Amino acid sequence: MCNRMEQHEKRSEPRVRSRGQVQLLTEAGQAIAATVYDVSPGGMCVESREPLASGLPVRVEVHGLEARGVVRYCRKHEDRYQLGVRLQSPETDGAGPS
């Protein structure tokens, strides 16, 4: 599965195993259903029946919340794909409270 930790591997952020459904939305309007495998402050690993290209910008939607991210990798695993999504920090557009 995603993020199998080996003794020599050192992560920059802790991972939390999680299960839940999310939707990945591409700029082309494609909606991909995915299951969360683990989450960290900077990203997540999800499993999907659809592959997505590394470097593809996506929006991650869950329960009315949205985050922007970029697909970092896509690996075939049995009949599904494991996708690593790096979440981007929220950008300010100057429209905040004055």
N, C-alpha and C. Protein backbone atom coordinates (compact mmCIF):
# COMPACT_ATOMS: atom_id res chain seq x y z
N MET A 1 0.84 -1.18 0.00
CA MET A 1 0.00 0.00 0.00
C MET A 1 0.88 1.24 0.00
N CYS A 2 0.25 2.38 0.02
CA CYS A 2 0.98 3.65 0.04
C CYS A 2 1.76 3.78 1.34
N ASN A 3 2.91 4.39 1.23
CA ASN A 3 3.68 4.78 2.40
C ASN A 3 4.06 3.65 3.34
N ARG A 4 4.43 2.51 2.80
CA ARG A 4 4.98 1.47 3.67
C ARG A 4 6.29 1.98 4.19
N MET A 5 6.37 2.12 5.48
CA MET A 5 7.58 2.69 6.06
C MET A 5 8.63 1.60 6.25
N GLU A 6 9.80 1.89 5.78
CA GLU A 6 10.92 1.00 6.00
C GLU A 6 11.81 1.65 7.05
N GLN A 7 12.62 0.88 7.71
CA GLN A 7 13.42 1.40 8.80
C GLN A 7 14.34 2.53 8.36
N HIS A 8 14.86 2.49 7.14
CA HIS A 8 15.80 3.52 6.71
C HIS A 8 15.09 4.76 6.18
N GLU A 9 13.78 4.70 6.01
CA GLU A 9 13.02 5.81 5.44
C GLU A 9 12.71 6.85 6.52
N LYS A 10 12.92 8.10 6.18
CA LYS A 10 12.62 9.17 7.13
C LYS A 10 11.67 10.15 6.46
N ARG A 11 10.50 10.30 7.02
CA ARG A 11 9.49 11.19 6.48
C ARG A 11 9.65 12.58 7.08
N SER A 12 9.35 13.60 6.27
CA SER A 12 9.43 14.97 6.78
C SER A 12 8.19 15.34 7.57
N GLU A 13 7.10 14.62 7.35
CA GLU A 13 5.85 14.89 8.05
C GLU A 13 5.23 13.56 8.48
N PRO A 14 4.60 13.54 9.65
CA PRO A 14 3.95 12.30 10.09
C PRO A 14 2.73 11.99 9.23
N ARG A 15 2.47 10.71 9.00
CA ARG A 15 1.31 10.26 8.25
C ARG A 15 0.29 9.68 9.21
N VAL A 16 -0.98 9.89 8.90
CA VAL A 16 -2.06 9.32 9.69
C VAL A 16 -2.88 8.44 8.76
N ARG A 17 -3.01 7.18 9.08
CA ARG A 17 -3.83 6.29 8.28
C ARG A 17 -5.28 6.74 8.42
N SER A 18 -5.97 6.73 7.32
CA SER A 18 -7.33 7.23 7.31
C SER A 18 -8.11 6.51 6.22
N ARG A 19 -9.37 6.45 6.36
CA ARG A 19 -10.24 5.91 5.32
C ARG A 19 -11.39 6.88 5.14
N GLY A 20 -11.70 7.16 3.93
CA GLY A 20 -12.80 8.04 3.60
C GLY A 20 -12.83 8.27 2.11
N GLN A 21 -13.92 8.76 1.63
CA GLN A 21 -14.09 8.99 0.21
C GLN A 21 -13.82 10.46 -0.11
N VAL A 22 -13.10 10.70 -1.19
CA VAL A 22 -12.85 12.05 -1.70
C VAL A 22 -13.10 12.03 -3.20
N GLN A 23 -13.18 13.23 -3.74
CA GLN A 23 -13.29 13.36 -5.17
C GLN A 23 -12.14 14.23 -5.66
N LEU A 24 -11.45 13.77 -6.69
CA LEU A 24 -10.38 14.54 -7.31
C LEU A 24 -10.95 15.15 -8.59
N LEU A 25 -10.81 16.46 -8.73
CA LEU A 25 -11.32 17.15 -9.90
C LEU A 25 -10.16 17.73 -10.68
N THR A 26 -10.10 17.43 -11.97
CA THR A 26 -9.04 17.94 -12.82
C THR A 26 -9.48 19.26 -13.45
N GLU A 27 -8.51 20.00 -13.99
CA GLU A 27 -8.82 21.25 -14.66
C GLU A 27 -9.70 21.02 -15.89
N ALA A 28 -9.65 19.82 -16.46
CA ALA A 28 -10.46 19.49 -17.62
C ALA A 28 -11.89 19.11 -17.23
N GLY A 29 -12.19 19.12 -15.93
CA GLY A 29 -13.53 18.82 -15.46
C GLY A 29 -13.79 17.35 -15.16
N GLN A 30 -12.76 16.53 -15.23
CA GLN A 30 -12.91 15.11 -14.91
C GLN A 30 -13.02 14.94 -13.40
N ALA A 31 -14.00 14.17 -12.94
CA ALA A 31 -14.19 13.88 -11.52
C ALA A 31 -13.83 12.42 -11.28
N ILE A 32 -12.88 12.19 -10.36
CA ILE A 32 -12.40 10.85 -10.05
C ILE A 32 -12.73 10.55 -8.59
N ALA A 33 -13.48 9.47 -8.36
CA ALA A 33 -13.75 9.03 -6.99
C ALA A 33 -12.51 8.32 -6.46
N ALA A 34 -12.16 8.59 -5.20
CA ALA A 34 -10.97 7.98 -4.61
C ALA A 34 -11.21 7.70 -3.14
N THR A 35 -10.44 6.76 -2.62
CA THR A 35 -10.46 6.41 -1.20
C THR A 35 -9.16 6.84 -0.57
N VAL A 36 -9.23 7.56 0.53
CA VAL A 36 -8.03 8.02 1.22
C VAL A 36 -7.37 6.85 1.92
N TYR A 37 -6.04 6.76 1.78
CA TYR A 37 -5.27 5.75 2.49
C TYR A 37 -4.56 6.37 3.68
N ASP A 38 -3.86 7.48 3.46
CA ASP A 38 -3.26 8.20 4.58
C ASP A 38 -3.16 9.69 4.25
N VAL A 39 -2.97 10.47 5.31
CA VAL A 39 -2.96 11.93 5.19
C VAL A 39 -1.82 12.49 6.03
N SER A 40 -1.20 13.55 5.56
CA SER A 40 -0.21 14.29 6.33
C SER A 40 -0.53 15.77 6.15
N PRO A 41 0.12 16.65 6.89
CA PRO A 41 -0.16 18.08 6.72
C PRO A 41 0.07 18.57 5.29
N GLY A 42 0.96 17.92 4.54
CA GLY A 42 1.27 18.41 3.20
C GLY A 42 0.75 17.57 2.06
N GLY A 43 0.06 16.46 2.35
CA GLY A 43 -0.39 15.64 1.25
C GLY A 43 -1.21 14.45 1.69
N MET A 44 -1.53 13.62 0.71
CA MET A 44 -2.30 12.42 1.00
C MET A 44 -2.03 11.37 -0.05
N CYS A 45 -2.30 10.15 0.32
CA CYS A 45 -2.25 9.03 -0.60
C CYS A 45 -3.68 8.54 -0.75
N VAL A 46 -4.12 8.40 -1.99
CA VAL A 46 -5.46 7.93 -2.27
C VAL A 46 -5.40 6.77 -3.25
N GLU A 47 -6.45 5.98 -3.27
CA GLU A 47 -6.57 4.88 -4.22
C GLU A 47 -7.76 5.15 -5.12
N SER A 48 -7.57 4.88 -6.41
CA SER A 48 -8.60 5.17 -7.40
C SER A 48 -8.61 4.08 -8.46
N ARG A 49 -9.70 3.95 -9.15
CA ARG A 49 -9.77 3.04 -10.30
C ARG A 49 -9.22 3.70 -11.55
N GLU A 50 -9.01 5.02 -11.51
CA GLU A 50 -8.53 5.78 -12.65
C GLU A 50 -7.10 6.26 -12.41
N PRO A 51 -6.24 6.18 -13.40
CA PRO A 51 -4.90 6.75 -13.26
C PRO A 51 -4.94 8.25 -13.57
N LEU A 52 -4.06 8.99 -12.94
CA LEU A 52 -3.86 10.41 -13.24
C LEU A 52 -2.38 10.65 -13.42
N ALA A 53 -2.02 11.53 -14.31
CA ALA A 53 -0.62 11.80 -14.63
C ALA A 53 0.09 12.57 -13.52
N SER A 54 1.32 12.20 -13.28
CA SER A 54 2.17 12.93 -12.34
C SER A 54 2.29 14.37 -12.83
N GLY A 55 2.19 15.33 -11.90
CA GLY A 55 2.28 16.74 -12.24
C GLY A 55 0.94 17.39 -12.52
N LEU A 56 -0.13 16.60 -12.58
CA LEU A 56 -1.46 17.12 -12.89
C LEU A 56 -2.04 17.89 -11.69
N PRO A 57 -2.44 19.15 -11.87
CA PRO A 57 -3.11 19.87 -10.79
C PRO A 57 -4.51 19.29 -10.57
N VAL A 58 -4.90 19.16 -9.32
CA VAL A 58 -6.23 18.65 -8.98
C VAL A 58 -6.82 19.45 -7.82
N ARG A 59 -8.13 19.40 -7.71
CA ARG A 59 -8.82 19.87 -6.52
C ARG A 59 -9.32 18.64 -5.79
N VAL A 60 -9.14 18.62 -4.49
CA VAL A 60 -9.60 17.50 -3.66
C VAL A 60 -10.82 18.00 -2.91
N GLU A 61 -11.96 17.31 -3.08
CA GLU A 61 -13.18 17.71 -2.40
C GLU A 61 -13.64 16.59 -1.48
N VAL A 62 -14.02 16.99 -0.27
CA VAL A 62 -14.57 16.05 0.70
C VAL A 62 -15.51 16.80 1.63
N HIS A 63 -16.72 16.33 1.76
CA HIS A 63 -17.73 16.91 2.65
C HIS A 63 -17.84 18.42 2.50
N GLY A 64 -17.85 18.93 1.29
CA GLY A 64 -18.00 20.35 1.05
C GLY A 64 -16.73 21.18 1.23
N LEU A 65 -15.62 20.54 1.62
CA LEU A 65 -14.34 21.23 1.75
C LEU A 65 -13.51 20.97 0.51
N GLU A 66 -12.65 21.91 0.19
CA GLU A 66 -11.83 21.79 -1.01
C GLU A 66 -10.39 22.18 -0.72
N ALA A 67 -9.47 21.45 -1.34
CA ALA A 67 -8.05 21.79 -1.27
C ALA A 67 -7.46 21.61 -2.66
N ARG A 68 -6.45 22.38 -2.96
CA ARG A 68 -5.76 22.25 -4.24
C ARG A 68 -4.50 21.42 -4.04
N GLY A 69 -4.16 20.66 -5.06
CA GLY A 69 -2.97 19.83 -4.96
C GLY A 69 -2.42 19.49 -6.32
N VAL A 70 -1.36 18.69 -6.30
CA VAL A 70 -0.71 18.23 -7.52
C VAL A 70 -0.42 16.74 -7.35
N VAL A 71 -0.73 15.96 -8.37
CA VAL A 71 -0.42 14.53 -8.33
C VAL A 71 1.10 14.39 -8.42
N ARG A 72 1.69 13.73 -7.44
CA ARG A 72 3.14 13.53 -7.40
C ARG A 72 3.55 12.20 -8.00
N TYR A 73 2.70 11.19 -7.84
CA TYR A 73 2.98 9.88 -8.45
C TYR A 73 1.68 9.13 -8.64
N CYS A 74 1.72 8.16 -9.54
CA CYS A 74 0.59 7.28 -9.79
C CYS A 74 1.18 5.89 -10.04
N ARG A 75 0.80 4.94 -9.19
CA ARG A 75 1.33 3.57 -9.29
C ARG A 75 0.19 2.57 -9.37
N LYS A 76 0.32 1.63 -10.28
CA LYS A 76 -0.66 0.55 -10.40
C LYS A 76 -0.49 -0.38 -9.21
N HIS A 77 -1.61 -0.73 -8.57
CA HIS A 77 -1.59 -1.67 -7.45
C HIS A 77 -2.82 -2.57 -7.58
N GLU A 78 -2.59 -3.80 -8.01
CA GLU A 78 -3.66 -4.76 -8.30
C GLU A 78 -4.62 -4.14 -9.31
N ASP A 79 -5.89 -3.98 -8.97
CA ASP A 79 -6.85 -3.45 -9.94
C ASP A 79 -7.12 -1.95 -9.73
N ARG A 80 -6.27 -1.29 -8.94
CA ARG A 80 -6.47 0.13 -8.65
C ARG A 80 -5.15 0.89 -8.85
N TYR A 81 -5.21 2.18 -8.64
CA TYR A 81 -4.03 3.05 -8.73
C TYR A 81 -3.85 3.77 -7.40
N GLN A 82 -2.62 3.89 -6.97
CA GLN A 82 -2.27 4.67 -5.79
C GLN A 82 -1.73 6.00 -6.26
N LEU A 83 -2.33 7.07 -5.77
CA LEU A 83 -1.94 8.41 -6.17
C LEU A 83 -1.43 9.18 -4.96
N GLY A 84 -0.25 9.74 -5.09
CA GLY A 84 0.26 10.64 -4.07
C GLY A 84 -0.09 12.06 -4.48
N VAL A 85 -0.79 12.78 -3.62
CA VAL A 85 -1.21 14.14 -3.93
C VAL A 85 -0.56 15.09 -2.92
N ARG A 86 0.25 15.99 -3.44
CA ARG A 86 0.88 17.02 -2.60
C ARG A 86 -0.10 18.19 -2.51
N LEU A 87 -0.54 18.51 -1.28
CA LEU A 87 -1.47 19.61 -1.09
C LEU A 87 -0.72 20.93 -1.09
N GLN A 88 -1.32 21.93 -1.70
CA GLN A 88 -0.71 23.25 -1.78
C GLN A 88 -1.24 24.13 -0.66
N SER A 89 -0.39 25.03 -0.20
CA SER A 89 -0.81 26.00 0.81
C SER A 89 -1.84 26.93 0.21
N PRO A 90 -2.83 27.35 1.01
CA PRO A 90 -3.82 28.30 0.48
C PRO A 90 -3.12 29.58 0.03
N GLU A 91 -3.54 30.08 -1.08
CA GLU A 91 -2.98 31.32 -1.61
C GLU A 91 -3.89 32.48 -1.27
N THR A 92 -3.31 33.58 -0.91
CA THR A 92 -4.11 34.76 -0.63
C THR A 92 -4.19 35.59 -1.90
N ASP A 93 -5.35 36.14 -2.14
CA ASP A 93 -5.53 36.93 -3.35
C ASP A 93 -5.81 38.40 -3.05
N GLY A 94 -5.57 38.80 -1.81
CA GLY A 94 -5.79 40.18 -1.44
C GLY A 94 -7.25 40.48 -1.13
N ALA A 95 -8.09 39.47 -1.17
CA ALA A 95 -9.51 39.69 -0.93
C ALA A 95 -9.91 39.41 0.51
N GLY A 96 -8.95 39.31 1.39
CA GLY A 96 -9.23 39.02 2.79
C GLY A 96 -9.88 40.19 3.48
N PRO A 97 -10.22 40.02 4.76
CA PRO A 97 -10.86 41.12 5.50
C PRO A 97 -9.94 42.31 5.63
N SER A 98 -10.52 43.50 5.64
CA SER A 98 -9.70 44.70 5.76
C SER A 98 -9.72 45.26 7.16
